[in-house]
């Protein structure tokens, strides 16, 4: 839990943050345009990932293969830390135009 608190303390809008082994992928909204940052995200095998919603609306991120689902992330919320067993595409189920890619 201390590592997650440090991750939250170090996070800033749209910036990748690695703290205690976690990688943060931000969900950003600029002038009505939504995106993931970084995109693509380089996620080494075994890397722990956290999504951070820095947009003003709720999002829900899922891997295209269904192996990861963040649940609804309200504005300002962080997902639970999770390991990605696979890489590839992911998207927001609420906003279909919001797509991203995780690579090794």
PDB file of N, CA and C in Angstrom:
ATOM      1  N   UNK A   1       0.816  -1.188   0.000  1.00  0.00           N
ATOM      2  CA  UNK A   1       0.000   0.000   0.000  1.00  0.00           C
ATOM      3  C   UNK A   1       0.862   1.255   0.000  1.00  0.00           C
ATOM      4  N   UNK A   2       2.006   1.220   0.717  1.00  0.00           N
ATOM      5  CA  UNK A   2       2.899   2.381   0.728  1.00  0.00           C
ATOM      6  C   UNK A   2       3.344   2.724  -0.693  1.00  0.00           C
ATOM      7  N   UNK A   3       3.635   1.703  -1.495  1.00  0.00           N
ATOM      8  CA  UNK A   3       4.071   1.950  -2.871  1.00  0.00           C
ATOM      9  C   UNK A   3       2.971   2.643  -3.661  1.00  0.00           C
ATOM     10  N   UNK A   4       1.714   2.252  -3.462  1.00  0.00           N
ATOM     11  CA  UNK A   4       0.619   2.886  -4.186  1.00  0.00           C
ATOM     12  C   UNK A   4       0.460   4.332  -3.730  1.00  0.00           C
ATOM     13  N   UNK A   5       0.599   4.605  -2.423  1.00  0.00           N
ATOM     14  CA  UNK A   5       0.517   5.985  -1.946  1.00  0.00           C
ATOM     15  C   UNK A   5       1.610   6.830  -2.574  1.00  0.00           C
ATOM     16  N   UNK A   6       2.823   6.272  -2.686  1.00  0.00           N
ATOM     17  CA  UNK A   6       3.919   7.006  -3.315  1.00  0.00           C
ATOM     18  C   UNK A   6       3.614   7.248  -4.787  1.00  0.00           C
ATOM     19  N   UNK A   7       3.035   6.263  -5.448  1.00  0.00           N
ATOM     20  CA  UNK A   7       2.644   6.417  -6.847  1.00  0.00           C
ATOM     21  C   UNK A   7       1.660   7.572  -6.990  1.00  0.00           C
ATOM     22  N   UNK A   8       0.661   7.618  -6.128  1.00  0.00           N
ATOM     23  CA  UNK A   8      -0.328   8.685  -6.201  1.00  0.00           C
ATOM     24  C   UNK A   8       0.324  10.033  -5.934  1.00  0.00           C
ATOM     25  N   UNK A   9       1.208  10.110  -4.955  1.00  0.00           N
ATOM     26  CA  UNK A   9       1.867  11.373  -4.621  1.00  0.00           C
ATOM     27  C   UNK A   9       2.735  11.872  -5.767  1.00  0.00           C
ATOM     28  N   UNK A  10       3.316  10.968  -6.552  1.00  0.00           N
ATOM     29  CA  UNK A  10       4.220  11.344  -7.630  1.00  0.00           C
ATOM     30  C   UNK A  10       3.507  11.624  -8.944  1.00  0.00           C
ATOM     31  N   UNK A  11       2.230  11.294  -9.057  1.00  0.00           N
ATOM     32  CA  UNK A  11       1.520  11.378 -10.330  1.00  0.00           C
ATOM     33  C   UNK A  11       1.230  12.827 -10.728  1.00  0.00           C
ATOM     34  N   UNK A  12       1.381  13.131 -12.001  1.00  0.00           N
ATOM     35  CA  UNK A  12       0.940  14.418 -12.543  1.00  0.00           C
ATOM     36  C   UNK A  12       0.245  14.156 -13.868  1.00  0.00           C
ATOM     37  N   UNK A  13      -0.553  15.084 -14.334  1.00  0.00           N
ATOM     38  CA  UNK A  13      -1.375  14.883 -15.533  1.00  0.00           C
ATOM     39  C   UNK A  13      -0.565  14.438 -16.734  1.00  0.00           C
ATOM     40  N   UNK A  14      -0.961  13.295 -17.305  1.00  0.00           N
ATOM     41  CA  UNK A  14      -0.404  12.844 -18.568  1.00  0.00           C
ATOM     42  C   UNK A  14       1.036  12.392 -18.520  1.00  0.00           C
ATOM     43  N   UNK A  15       1.593  12.194 -17.349  1.00  0.00           N
ATOM     44  CA  UNK A  15       2.999  11.811 -17.244  1.00  0.00           C
ATOM     45  C   UNK A  15       3.078  10.381 -16.744  1.00  0.00           C
ATOM     46  N   UNK A  16       3.925   9.585 -17.378  1.00  0.00           N
ATOM     47  CA  UNK A  16       4.134   8.221 -16.927  1.00  0.00           C
ATOM     48  C   UNK A  16       4.883   8.273 -15.614  1.00  0.00           C
ATOM     49  N   UNK A  17       4.435   7.496 -14.665  1.00  0.00           N
ATOM     50  CA  UNK A  17       5.054   7.491 -13.348  1.00  0.00           C
ATOM     51  C   UNK A  17       5.361   6.057 -12.959  1.00  0.00           C
ATOM     52  N   UNK A  18       6.593   5.805 -12.589  1.00  0.00           N
ATOM     53  CA  UNK A  18       6.973   4.495 -12.081  1.00  0.00           C
ATOM     54  C   UNK A  18       7.415   4.688 -10.643  1.00  0.00           C
ATOM     55  N   UNK A  19       6.713   4.058  -9.736  1.00  0.00           N
ATOM     56  CA  UNK A  19       7.046   4.139  -8.327  1.00  0.00           C
ATOM     57  C   UNK A  19       6.724   2.793  -7.716  1.00  0.00           C
ATOM     58  N   UNK A  20       7.703   2.179  -7.086  1.00  0.00           N
ATOM     59  CA  UNK A  20       7.460   0.880  -6.505  1.00  0.00           C
ATOM     60  C   UNK A  20       7.126  -0.160  -7.549  1.00  0.00           C
ATOM     61  N   UNK A  21       7.600   0.020  -8.784  1.00  0.00           N
ATOM     62  CA  UNK A  21       7.383  -0.956  -9.830  1.00  0.00           C
ATOM     63  C   UNK A  21       6.123  -0.759 -10.641  1.00  0.00           C
ATOM     64  N   UNK A  22       5.301   0.244 -10.330  1.00  0.00           N
ATOM     65  CA  UNK A  22       4.044   0.441 -11.063  1.00  0.00           C
ATOM     66  C   UNK A  22       4.216   1.443 -12.197  1.00  0.00           C
ATOM     67  N   UNK A  23       3.496   1.210 -13.271  1.00  0.00           N
ATOM     68  CA  UNK A  23       3.442   2.116 -14.417  1.00  0.00           C
ATOM     69  C   UNK A  23       2.046   2.723 -14.451  1.00  0.00           C
ATOM     70  N   UNK A  24       1.954   4.041 -14.532  1.00  0.00           N
ATOM     71  CA  UNK A  24       0.656   4.701 -14.613  1.00  0.00           C
ATOM     72  C   UNK A  24       0.360   5.095 -16.051  1.00  0.00           C
ATOM     73  N   UNK A  25      -0.821   4.712 -16.519  1.00  0.00           N
ATOM     74  CA  UNK A  25      -1.323   5.159 -17.811  1.00  0.00           C
ATOM     75  C   UNK A  25      -2.457   6.127 -17.508  1.00  0.00           C
ATOM     76  N   UNK A  26      -2.297   7.372 -17.923  1.00  0.00           N
ATOM     77  CA  UNK A  26      -3.305   8.394 -17.645  1.00  0.00           C
ATOM     78  C   UNK A  26      -4.371   8.425 -18.730  1.00  0.00           C
ATOM     79  N   UNK A  27      -5.588   8.707 -18.314  1.00  0.00           N
ATOM     80  CA  UNK A  27      -6.699   8.954 -19.231  1.00  0.00           C
ATOM     81  C   UNK A  27      -6.904  10.458 -19.204  1.00  0.00           C
ATOM     82  N   UNK A  28      -6.645  11.109 -20.321  1.00  0.00           N
ATOM     83  CA  UNK A  28      -6.684  12.570 -20.348  1.00  0.00           C
ATOM     84  C   UNK A  28      -7.749  13.071 -21.313  1.00  0.00           C
ATOM     85  N   UNK A  29      -8.271  14.229 -21.007  1.00  0.00           N
ATOM     86  CA  UNK A  29      -9.231  14.890 -21.876  1.00  0.00           C
ATOM     87  C   UNK A  29      -8.786  16.316 -22.107  1.00  0.00           C
ATOM     88  N   UNK A  30      -8.565  16.672 -23.356  1.00  0.00           N
ATOM     89  CA  UNK A  30      -8.126  18.019 -23.704  1.00  0.00           C
ATOM     90  C   UNK A  30      -9.060  18.557 -24.775  1.00  0.00           C
ATOM     91  N   UNK A  31      -9.752  19.631 -24.456  1.00  0.00           N
ATOM     92  CA  UNK A  31     -10.676  20.264 -25.407  1.00  0.00           C
ATOM     93  C   UNK A  31     -11.650  19.268 -26.027  1.00  0.00           C
ATOM     94  N   UNK A  32     -12.200  18.375 -25.211  1.00  0.00           N
ATOM     95  CA  UNK A  32     -13.179  17.410 -25.686  1.00  0.00           C
ATOM     96  C   UNK A  32     -12.595  16.179 -26.343  1.00  0.00           C
ATOM     97  N   UNK A  33     -11.278  16.132 -26.514  1.00  0.00           N
ATOM     98  CA  UNK A  33     -10.615  14.973 -27.106  1.00  0.00           C
ATOM     99  C   UNK A  33     -10.051  14.101 -25.988  1.00  0.00           C
ATOM    100  N   UNK A  34     -10.327  12.804 -26.027  1.00  0.00           N
ATOM    101  CA  UNK A  34      -9.869  11.881 -24.991  1.00  0.00           C
ATOM    102  C   UNK A  34      -8.729  11.033 -25.527  1.00  0.00           C
ATOM    103  N   UNK A  35      -7.761  10.742 -24.641  1.00  0.00           N
ATOM    104  CA  UNK A  35      -6.655   9.880 -25.051  1.00  0.00           C
ATOM    105  C   UNK A  35      -6.023   9.234 -23.829  1.00  0.00           C
ATOM    106  N   UNK A  36      -5.237   8.185 -24.094  1.00  0.00           N
ATOM    107  CA  UNK A  36      -4.405   7.562 -23.074  1.00  0.00           C
ATOM    108  C   UNK A  36      -3.001   8.127 -23.217  1.00  0.00           C
ATOM    109  N   UNK A  37      -2.310   8.286 -22.105  1.00  0.00           N
ATOM    110  CA  UNK A  37      -0.936   8.771 -22.142  1.00  0.00           C
ATOM    111  C   UNK A  37      -0.105   7.964 -21.163  1.00  0.00           C
ATOM    112  N   UNK A  38       0.930   7.276 -21.656  1.00  0.00           N
ATOM    113  CA  UNK A  38       1.406   7.254 -23.035  1.00  0.00           C
ATOM    114  C   UNK A  38       0.570   6.306 -23.892  1.00  0.00           C
ATOM    115  N   UNK A  39       0.683   6.462 -25.171  1.00  0.00           N
ATOM    116  CA  UNK A  39       0.026   5.573 -26.122  1.00  0.00           C
ATOM    117  C   UNK A  39       0.854   5.529 -27.401  1.00  0.00           C
ATOM    118  N   UNK A  40       1.468   4.383 -27.685  1.00  0.00           N
ATOM    119  CA  UNK A  40       1.375   3.123 -26.959  1.00  0.00           C
ATOM    120  C   UNK A  40       2.151   3.179 -25.643  1.00  0.00           C
ATOM    121  N   UNK A  41       1.781   2.278 -24.729  1.00  0.00           N
ATOM    122  CA  UNK A  41       2.469   2.146 -23.445  1.00  0.00           C
ATOM    123  C   UNK A  41       3.380   0.930 -23.508  1.00  0.00           C
ATOM    124  N   UNK A  42       4.640   1.111 -23.169  1.00  0.00           N
ATOM    125  CA  UNK A  42       5.589  -0.002 -23.112  1.00  0.00           C
ATOM    126  C   UNK A  42       5.458  -0.665 -21.745  1.00  0.00           C
ATOM    127  N   UNK A  43       4.982  -1.907 -21.738  1.00  0.00           N
ATOM    128  CA  UNK A  43       4.689  -2.626 -20.500  1.00  0.00           C
ATOM    129  C   UNK A  43       5.504  -3.916 -20.481  1.00  0.00           C
ATOM    130  N   UNK A  44       6.676  -3.910 -19.830  1.00  0.00           N
ATOM    131  CA  UNK A  44       7.480  -5.129 -19.757  1.00  0.00           C
ATOM    132  C   UNK A  44       6.710  -6.258 -19.060  1.00  0.00           C
ATOM    133  N   UNK A  45       7.075  -7.489 -19.351  1.00  0.00           N
ATOM    134  CA  UNK A  45       6.447  -8.642 -18.711  1.00  0.00           C
ATOM    135  C   UNK A  45       6.534  -8.493 -17.195  1.00  0.00           C
ATOM    136  N   UNK A  46       5.435  -8.742 -16.512  1.00  0.00           N
ATOM    137  CA  UNK A  46       5.396  -8.656 -15.060  1.00  0.00           C
ATOM    138  C   UNK A  46       5.186  -7.254 -14.501  1.00  0.00           C
ATOM    139  N   UNK A  47       5.154  -6.265 -15.366  1.00  0.00           N
ATOM    140  CA  UNK A  47       4.975  -4.871 -14.930  1.00  0.00           C
ATOM    141  C   UNK A  47       3.581  -4.669 -14.331  1.00  0.00           C
ATOM    142  N   UNK A  48       3.505  -4.002 -13.204  1.00  0.00           N
ATOM    143  CA  UNK A  48       2.227  -3.629 -12.599  1.00  0.00           C
ATOM    144  C   UNK A  48       1.761  -2.323 -13.240  1.00  0.00           C
ATOM    145  N   UNK A  49       0.483  -2.266 -13.601  1.00  0.00           N
ATOM    146  CA  UNK A  49      -0.083  -1.097 -14.278  1.00  0.00           C
ATOM    147  C   UNK A  49      -1.224  -0.528 -13.439  1.00  0.00           C
ATOM    148  N   UNK A  50      -1.311   0.800 -13.427  1.00  0.00           N
ATOM    149  CA  UNK A  50      -2.415   1.517 -12.794  1.00  0.00           C
ATOM    150  C   UNK A  50      -2.925   2.535 -13.807  1.00  0.00           C
ATOM    151  N   UNK A  51      -4.233   2.587 -14.022  1.00  0.00           N
ATOM    152  CA  UNK A  51      -4.817   3.637 -14.861  1.00  0.00           C
ATOM    153  C   UNK A  51      -5.283   4.764 -13.951  1.00  0.00           C
ATOM    154  N   UNK A  52      -5.031   6.013 -14.358  1.00  0.00           N
ATOM    155  CA  UNK A  52      -5.432   7.196 -13.590  1.00  0.00           C
ATOM    156  C   UNK A  52      -6.314   8.069 -14.470  1.00  0.00           C
ATOM    157  N   UNK A  53      -7.529   8.309 -14.026  1.00  0.00           N
ATOM    158  CA  UNK A  53      -8.469   9.125 -14.790  1.00  0.00           C
ATOM    159  C   UNK A  53      -8.269  10.594 -14.426  1.00  0.00           C
ATOM    160  N   UNK A  54      -7.561  11.330 -15.269  1.00  0.00           N
ATOM    161  CA  UNK A  54      -7.373  12.767 -15.055  1.00  0.00           C
ATOM    162  C   UNK A  54      -8.332  13.573 -15.938  1.00  0.00           C
ATOM    163  N   UNK A  55      -9.283  12.886 -16.548  1.00  0.00           N
ATOM    164  CA  UNK A  55     -10.328  13.532 -17.342  1.00  0.00           C
ATOM    165  C   UNK A  55     -11.479  13.924 -16.406  1.00  0.00           C
ATOM    166  N   UNK A  56     -12.426  14.674 -16.899  1.00  0.00           N
ATOM    167  CA  UNK A  56     -13.547  15.142 -16.096  1.00  0.00           C
ATOM    168  C   UNK A  56     -14.776  14.258 -16.135  1.00  0.00           C
ATOM    169  N   UNK A  57     -14.683  13.094 -16.802  1.00  0.00           N
ATOM    170  CA  UNK A  57     -15.819  12.178 -16.904  1.00  0.00           C
ATOM    171  C   UNK A  57     -15.376  10.765 -16.540  1.00  0.00           C
ATOM    172  N   UNK A  58     -16.340   9.894 -16.255  1.00  0.00           N
ATOM    173  CA  UNK A  58     -16.064   8.508 -15.884  1.00  0.00           C
ATOM    174  C   UNK A  58     -15.601   7.703 -17.094  1.00  0.00           C
ATOM    175  N   UNK A  59     -14.643   6.791 -16.867  1.00  0.00           N
ATOM    176  CA  UNK A  59     -14.148   5.876 -17.894  1.00  0.00           C
ATOM    177  C   UNK A  59     -14.101   4.463 -17.324  1.00  0.00           C
ATOM    178  N   UNK A  60     -14.068   3.467 -18.202  1.00  0.00           N
ATOM    179  CA  UNK A  60     -13.897   2.060 -17.820  1.00  0.00           C
ATOM    180  C   UNK A  60     -12.991   1.426 -18.860  1.00  0.00           C
ATOM    181  N   UNK A  61     -11.802   1.010 -18.441  1.00  0.00           N
ATOM    182  CA  UNK A  61     -10.799   0.472 -19.358  1.00  0.00           C
ATOM    183  C   UNK A  61     -10.822  -1.053 -19.315  1.00  0.00           C
ATOM    184  N   UNK A  62     -10.854  -1.674 -20.489  1.00  0.00           N
ATOM    185  CA  UNK A  62     -10.753  -3.131 -20.593  1.00  0.00           C
ATOM    186  C   UNK A  62      -9.759  -3.477 -21.696  1.00  0.00           C
ATOM    187  N   UNK A  63      -8.998  -4.560 -21.477  1.00  0.00           N
ATOM    188  CA  UNK A  63      -8.173  -5.080 -22.557  1.00  0.00           C
ATOM    189  C   UNK A  63      -9.097  -5.718 -23.576  1.00  0.00           C
ATOM    190  N   UNK A  64      -8.737  -5.627 -24.839  1.00  0.00           N
ATOM    191  CA  UNK A  64      -9.587  -6.171 -25.901  1.00  0.00           C
ATOM    192  C   UNK A  64      -9.851  -7.658 -25.730  1.00  0.00           C
ATOM    193  N   UNK A  65      -8.899  -8.389 -25.107  1.00  0.00           N
ATOM    194  CA  UNK A  65      -9.107  -9.826 -24.909  1.00  0.00           C
ATOM    195  C   UNK A  65      -9.935 -10.120 -23.653  1.00  0.00           C
ATOM    196  N   UNK A  66     -10.347  -9.076 -22.930  1.00  0.00           N
ATOM    197  CA  UNK A  66     -11.189  -9.251 -21.749  1.00  0.00           C
ATOM    198  C   UNK A  66     -10.452  -9.627 -20.476  1.00  0.00           C
ATOM    199  N   UNK A  67      -9.127  -9.721 -20.518  1.00  0.00           N
ATOM    200  CA  UNK A  67      -8.370 -10.188 -19.354  1.00  0.00           C
ATOM    201  C   UNK A  67      -8.232  -9.146 -18.250  1.00  0.00           C
ATOM    202  N   UNK A  68      -8.468  -7.877 -18.549  1.00  0.00           N
ATOM    203  CA  UNK A  68      -8.387  -6.806 -17.555  1.00  0.00           C
ATOM    204  C   UNK A  68      -9.612  -5.919 -17.699  1.00  0.00           C
ATOM    205  N   UNK A  69     -10.202  -5.555 -16.574  1.00  0.00           N
ATOM    206  CA  UNK A  69     -11.333  -4.625 -16.534  1.00  0.00           C
ATOM    207  C   UNK A  69     -11.158  -3.763 -15.291  1.00  0.00           C
ATOM    208  N   UNK A  70     -11.003  -2.455 -15.477  1.00  0.00           N
ATOM    209  CA  UNK A  70     -10.770  -1.565 -14.338  1.00  0.00           C
ATOM    210  C   UNK A  70     -12.031  -1.276 -13.534  1.00  0.00           C
ATOM    211  N   UNK A  71     -13.200  -1.580 -14.097  1.00  0.00           N
ATOM    212  CA  UNK A  71     -14.419  -1.084 -13.483  1.00  0.00           C
ATOM    213  C   UNK A  71     -14.508   0.410 -13.763  1.00  0.00           C
ATOM    214  N   UNK A  72     -15.579   1.039 -13.339  1.00  0.00           N
ATOM    215  CA  UNK A  72     -15.742   2.469 -13.588  1.00  0.00           C
ATOM    216  C   UNK A  72     -14.716   3.269 -12.799  1.00  0.00           C
ATOM    217  N   UNK A  73     -14.060   4.212 -13.481  1.00  0.00           N
ATOM    218  CA  UNK A  73     -13.091   5.109 -12.855  1.00  0.00           C
ATOM    219  C   UNK A  73     -13.649   6.524 -12.924  1.00  0.00           C
ATOM    220  N   UNK A  74     -14.085   7.033 -11.792  1.00  0.00           N
ATOM    221  CA  UNK A  74     -14.584   8.402 -11.739  1.00  0.00           C
ATOM    222  C   UNK A  74     -13.433   9.381 -11.917  1.00  0.00           C
ATOM    223  N   UNK A  75     -13.719  10.642 -12.239  1.00  0.00           N
ATOM    224  CA  UNK A  75     -12.657  11.638 -12.386  1.00  0.00           C
ATOM    225  C   UNK A  75     -11.747  11.671 -11.153  1.00  0.00           C
ATOM    226  N   UNK A  76     -10.444  11.632 -11.407  1.00  0.00           N
ATOM    227  CA  UNK A  76      -9.448  11.645 -10.342  1.00  0.00           C
ATOM    228  C   UNK A  76      -9.104  10.290  -9.770  1.00  0.00           C
ATOM    229  N   UNK A  77      -9.853   9.244 -10.132  1.00  0.00           N
ATOM    230  CA  UNK A  77      -9.657   7.920  -9.547  1.00  0.00           C
ATOM    231  C   UNK A  77      -8.500   7.166 -10.193  1.00  0.00           C
ATOM    232  N   UNK A  78      -7.916   6.264  -9.405  1.00  0.00           N
ATOM    233  CA  UNK A  78      -6.908   5.319  -9.872  1.00  0.00           C
ATOM    234  C   UNK A  78      -7.537   3.935  -9.893  1.00  0.00           C
ATOM    235  N   UNK A  79      -7.146   3.098 -10.870  1.00  0.00           N
ATOM    236  CA  UNK A  79      -7.575   1.704 -10.857  1.00  0.00           C
ATOM    237  C   UNK A  79      -6.775   0.966  -9.795  1.00  0.00           C
ATOM    238  N   UNK A  80      -7.217  -0.228  -9.460  1.00  0.00           N
ATOM    239  CA  UNK A  80      -6.401  -1.093  -8.617  1.00  0.00           C
ATOM    240  C   UNK A  80      -5.155  -1.470  -9.396  1.00  0.00           C
ATOM    241  N   UNK A  81      -4.009  -1.645  -8.720  1.00  0.00           N
ATOM    242  CA  UNK A  81      -2.810  -2.105  -9.429  1.00  0.00           C
ATOM    243  C   UNK A  81      -3.061  -3.500  -9.995  1.00  0.00           C
ATOM    244  N   UNK A  82      -2.634  -3.736 -11.231  1.00  0.00           N
ATOM    245  CA  UNK A  82      -2.842  -5.040 -11.856  1.00  0.00           C
ATOM    246  C   UNK A  82      -1.705  -5.364 -12.810  1.00  0.00           C
ATOM    247  N   UNK A  83      -1.417  -6.643 -12.942  1.00  0.00           N
ATOM    248  CA  UNK A  83      -0.424  -7.103 -13.910  1.00  0.00           C
ATOM    249  C   UNK A  83      -1.153  -7.436 -15.204  1.00  0.00           C
ATOM    250  N   UNK A  84      -0.545  -7.067 -16.319  1.00  0.00           N
ATOM    251  CA  UNK A  84      -1.128  -7.399 -17.616  1.00  0.00           C
ATOM    252  C   UNK A  84      -0.547  -8.724 -18.075  1.00  0.00           C
ATOM    253  N   UNK A  85      -1.387  -9.744 -18.148  1.00  0.00           N
ATOM    254  CA  UNK A  85      -0.926 -11.037 -18.605  1.00  0.00           C
ATOM    255  C   UNK A  85      -0.664 -11.064 -20.099  1.00  0.00           C
ATOM    256  N   UNK A  86      -1.301 -10.145 -20.804  1.00  0.00           N
ATOM    257  CA  UNK A  86      -1.110 -10.069 -22.247  1.00  0.00           C
ATOM    258  C   UNK A  86      -0.966  -8.604 -22.629  1.00  0.00           C
ATOM    259  N   UNK A  87      -0.475  -8.372 -23.809  1.00  0.00           N
ATOM    260  CA  UNK A  87      -0.391  -7.009 -24.333  1.00  0.00           C
ATOM    261  C   UNK A  87      -1.250  -6.929 -25.587  1.00  0.00           C
ATOM    262  N   UNK A  88      -1.494  -5.730 -26.026  1.00  0.00           N
ATOM    263  CA  UNK A  88      -2.333  -5.519 -27.200  1.00  0.00           C
ATOM    264  C   UNK A  88      -3.211  -4.322 -26.959  1.00  0.00           C
ATOM    265  N   UNK A  89      -4.366  -4.334 -27.602  1.00  0.00           N
ATOM    266  CA  UNK A  89      -5.250  -3.188 -27.511  1.00  0.00           C
ATOM    267  C   UNK A  89      -6.077  -3.166 -26.244  1.00  0.00           C
ATOM    268  N   UNK A  90      -6.452  -1.956 -25.849  1.00  0.00           N
ATOM    269  CA  UNK A  90      -7.413  -1.763 -24.774  1.00  0.00           C
ATOM    270  C   UNK A  90      -8.270  -0.562 -25.142  1.00  0.00           C
ATOM    271  N   UNK A  91      -9.404  -0.430 -24.481  1.00  0.00           N
ATOM    272  CA  UNK A  91     -10.333   0.637 -24.836  1.00  0.00           C
ATOM    273  C   UNK A  91     -11.212   0.995 -23.648  1.00  0.00           C
ATOM    274  N   UNK A  92     -11.903   2.109 -23.777  1.00  0.00           N
ATOM    275  CA  UNK A  92     -12.894   2.529 -22.791  1.00  0.00           C
ATOM    276  C   UNK A  92     -14.250   2.014 -23.261  1.00  0.00           C
ATOM    277  N   UNK A  93     -14.933   1.268 -22.408  1.00  0.00           N
ATOM    278  CA  UNK A  93     -16.236   0.734 -22.803  1.00  0.00           C
ATOM    279  C   UNK A  93     -17.305   1.818 -22.863  1.00  0.00           C
ATOM    280  N   UNK A  94     -17.067   2.937 -22.194  1.00  0.00           N
ATOM    281  CA  UNK A  94     -18.034   4.037 -22.188  1.00  0.00           C
ATOM    282  C   UNK A  94     -17.844   4.944 -23.403  1.00  0.00           C
ATOM    283  N   UNK A  95     -16.584   5.092 -23.834  1.00  0.00           N
ATOM    284  CA  UNK A  95     -16.238   5.976 -24.960  1.00  0.00           C
ATOM    285  C   UNK A  95     -15.468   5.156 -26.003  1.00  0.00           C
ATOM    286  N   UNK A  96     -16.142   4.516 -26.957  1.00  0.00           N
ATOM    287  CA  UNK A  96     -15.505   3.602 -27.909  1.00  0.00           C
ATOM    288  C   UNK A  96     -14.376   4.212 -28.735  1.00  0.00           C
ATOM    289  N   UNK A  97     -14.336   5.532 -28.867  1.00  0.00           N
ATOM    290  CA  UNK A  97     -13.253   6.156 -29.640  1.00  0.00           C
ATOM    291  C   UNK A  97     -11.959   6.252 -28.836  1.00  0.00           C
ATOM    292  N   UNK A  98     -12.020   5.973 -27.536  1.00  0.00           N
ATOM    293  CA  UNK A  98     -10.846   6.042 -26.665  1.00  0.00           C
ATOM    294  C   UNK A  98     -10.169   4.677 -26.656  1.00  0.00           C
ATOM    295  N   UNK A  99      -9.076   4.552 -27.410  1.00  0.00           N
ATOM    296  CA  UNK A  99      -8.372   3.279 -27.556  1.00  0.00           C
ATOM    297  C   UNK A  99      -6.886   3.477 -27.289  1.00  0.00           C
ATOM    298  N   UNK A 100      -6.243   2.401 -26.844  1.00  0.00           N
ATOM    299  CA  UNK A 100      -4.808   2.444 -26.599  1.00  0.00           C
ATOM    300  C   UNK A 100      -4.185   1.094 -26.876  1.00  0.00           C
ATOM    301  N   UNK A 101      -2.865   1.054 -26.801  1.00  0.00           N
ATOM    302  CA  UNK A 101      -2.114  -0.172 -27.056  1.00  0.00           C
ATOM    303  C   UNK A 101      -1.025  -0.335 -26.011  1.00  0.00           C
ATOM    304  N   UNK A 102      -0.883  -1.558 -25.517  1.00  0.00           N
ATOM    305  CA  UNK A 102       0.219  -1.921 -24.627  1.00  0.00           C
ATOM    306  C   UNK A 102       1.153  -2.838 -25.403  1.00  0.00           C
ATOM    307  N   UNK A 103       2.443  -2.532 -25.377  1.00  0.00           N
ATOM    308  CA  UNK A 103       3.450  -3.332 -26.076  1.00  0.00           C
ATOM    309  C   UNK A 103       4.506  -3.786 -25.081  1.00  0.00           C
ATOM    310  N   UNK A 104       5.299  -4.782 -25.461  1.00  0.00           N
ATOM    311  CA  UNK A 104       6.419  -5.235 -24.617  1.00  0.00           C
ATOM    312  C   UNK A 104       7.672  -4.543 -25.056  1.00  0.00           C
TER     313      UNK A 104
END
